[in-house]
């Protein structure tokens, strides 16, 4: 299950309203691979594909390919606003930590 925090849900609902996209969902997708596994991206999407799974968390629709659903179990979508910037982040407690090959 993917959870969206209260703050992230509020920000997403505001964004959808501002962009007149109330019928859209938050799509989570694999954006690339690194030494610590998959990295995920997010976008707004109004088209559900045959292989998609649709979830709802905190009043926000979420779309993702069924092939990544299991790997996203326990993930939390949050919103940050700090000195580094602001935006939506994916917190994955199951993600492997970087090894010695990483420069992160």
Protein backbone atom coordinates (compact mmCIF):
# COMPACT_ATOMS: atom_id res chain seq x y z
CA UNK A 1 0.00 0.00 0.00
CA UNK A 2 1.20 3.50 -0.86
CA UNK A 3 0.29 6.16 1.70
CA UNK A 4 0.02 9.88 1.07
CA UNK A 5 0.57 12.13 4.08
CA UNK A 6 -2.05 14.73 5.01
CA UNK A 7 0.21 17.56 3.86
CA UNK A 8 1.03 15.90 0.52
CA UNK A 9 -2.66 15.13 -0.10
CA UNK A 10 -3.59 18.76 0.59
CA UNK A 11 -0.84 20.03 -1.74
CA UNK A 12 -1.82 17.55 -4.48
CA UNK A 13 -5.50 18.48 -4.27
CA UNK A 14 -4.58 22.18 -4.48
CA UNK A 15 -2.34 21.51 -7.48
CA UNK A 16 -5.06 19.53 -9.26
CA UNK A 17 -7.55 22.32 -8.65
CA UNK A 18 -5.16 25.09 -9.77
CA UNK A 19 -4.38 23.23 -12.98
CA UNK A 20 -8.06 22.29 -13.52
CA UNK A 21 -7.13 18.59 -13.43
CA UNK A 22 -9.51 17.31 -10.74
CA UNK A 23 -10.03 14.06 -12.73
CA UNK A 24 -6.30 13.27 -12.81
CA UNK A 25 -4.45 10.80 -10.63
CA UNK A 26 -0.91 10.72 -9.30
CA UNK A 27 1.10 8.27 -11.39
CA UNK A 28 4.16 6.61 -9.84
CA UNK A 29 6.67 5.12 -12.27
CA UNK A 30 10.22 3.78 -12.42
CA UNK A 31 12.41 6.72 -13.41
CA UNK A 32 15.72 4.88 -13.48
CA UNK A 33 18.00 2.40 -11.80
CA UNK A 34 20.95 3.09 -9.54
CA UNK A 35 23.25 1.19 -7.22
CA UNK A 36 20.56 1.27 -4.52
CA UNK A 37 17.82 -0.04 -6.82
CA UNK A 38 14.97 1.64 -8.65
CA UNK A 39 14.28 5.32 -8.37
CA UNK A 40 10.71 6.43 -8.81
CA UNK A 41 9.11 9.46 -10.39
CA UNK A 42 5.66 11.00 -10.18
CA UNK A 43 3.41 12.77 -12.65
CA UNK A 44 -0.24 13.68 -13.07
CA UNK A 45 -2.11 11.38 -15.42
CA UNK A 46 -5.70 11.11 -16.63
CA UNK A 47 -5.27 7.85 -18.54
CA UNK A 48 -5.39 4.43 -16.93
CA UNK A 49 -3.62 1.64 -18.79
CA UNK A 50 -4.67 -2.01 -18.87
CA UNK A 51 -1.72 -3.08 -16.66
CA UNK A 52 -2.37 -0.34 -14.09
CA UNK A 53 -3.38 -0.72 -10.48
CA UNK A 54 -5.41 2.10 -8.99
CA UNK A 55 -5.29 2.92 -5.28
CA UNK A 56 -6.67 5.76 -3.19
CA UNK A 57 -4.89 7.28 -0.22
CA UNK A 58 -6.05 10.30 1.73
CA UNK A 59 -8.56 11.14 -1.01
CA UNK A 60 -5.97 11.08 -3.83
CA UNK A 61 -6.08 8.56 -6.68
CA UNK A 62 -2.80 6.78 -7.40
CA UNK A 63 -1.93 4.90 -10.60
CA UNK A 64 1.00 2.54 -11.09
CA UNK A 65 1.90 -0.41 -13.24
CA UNK A 66 1.04 -3.72 -11.59
CA UNK A 67 4.67 -4.74 -12.19
CA UNK A 68 5.92 -2.23 -9.58
CA UNK A 69 3.08 -2.47 -7.07
CA UNK A 70 4.83 -4.95 -4.80
CA UNK A 71 8.07 -2.96 -4.72
CA UNK A 72 6.13 0.15 -3.62
CA UNK A 73 4.48 -1.56 -0.66
CA UNK A 74 5.05 0.59 2.44
CA UNK A 75 6.07 3.70 0.48
CA UNK A 76 4.94 7.11 1.70
CA UNK A 77 4.42 10.19 -0.47
CA UNK A 78 5.18 13.39 1.43
CA UNK A 79 5.61 17.09 0.69
CA UNK A 80 8.63 19.04 1.87
CA UNK A 81 9.26 22.77 2.01
CA UNK A 82 12.70 23.64 3.38
CA UNK A 83 15.92 25.48 2.53
CA UNK A 84 16.70 22.90 -0.17
CA UNK A 85 13.42 23.52 -1.97
CA UNK A 86 9.91 22.23 -1.97
CA UNK A 87 8.15 19.38 -3.65
CA UNK A 88 6.82 15.88 -3.38
CA UNK A 89 9.09 13.08 -2.24
CA UNK A 90 8.82 9.33 -2.05
CA UNK A 91 9.97 7.81 1.23
CA UNK A 92 10.76 4.12 0.82
CA UNK A 93 11.68 2.39 4.07
CA UNK A 94 12.52 -0.79 2.14
CA UNK A 95 15.05 0.82 -0.23
CA UNK A 96 18.53 -0.64 0.08
CA UNK A 97 21.12 1.75 1.44
CA UNK A 98 23.92 2.90 -0.81
CA UNK A 99 27.03 0.78 -0.81
CA UNK A 100 30.62 1.77 -1.30
CA UNK A 101 30.07 2.19 -5.05
CA UNK A 102 27.78 5.17 -4.55
CA UNK A 103 28.77 8.77 -4.43
CA UNK A 104 25.62 9.85 -2.62
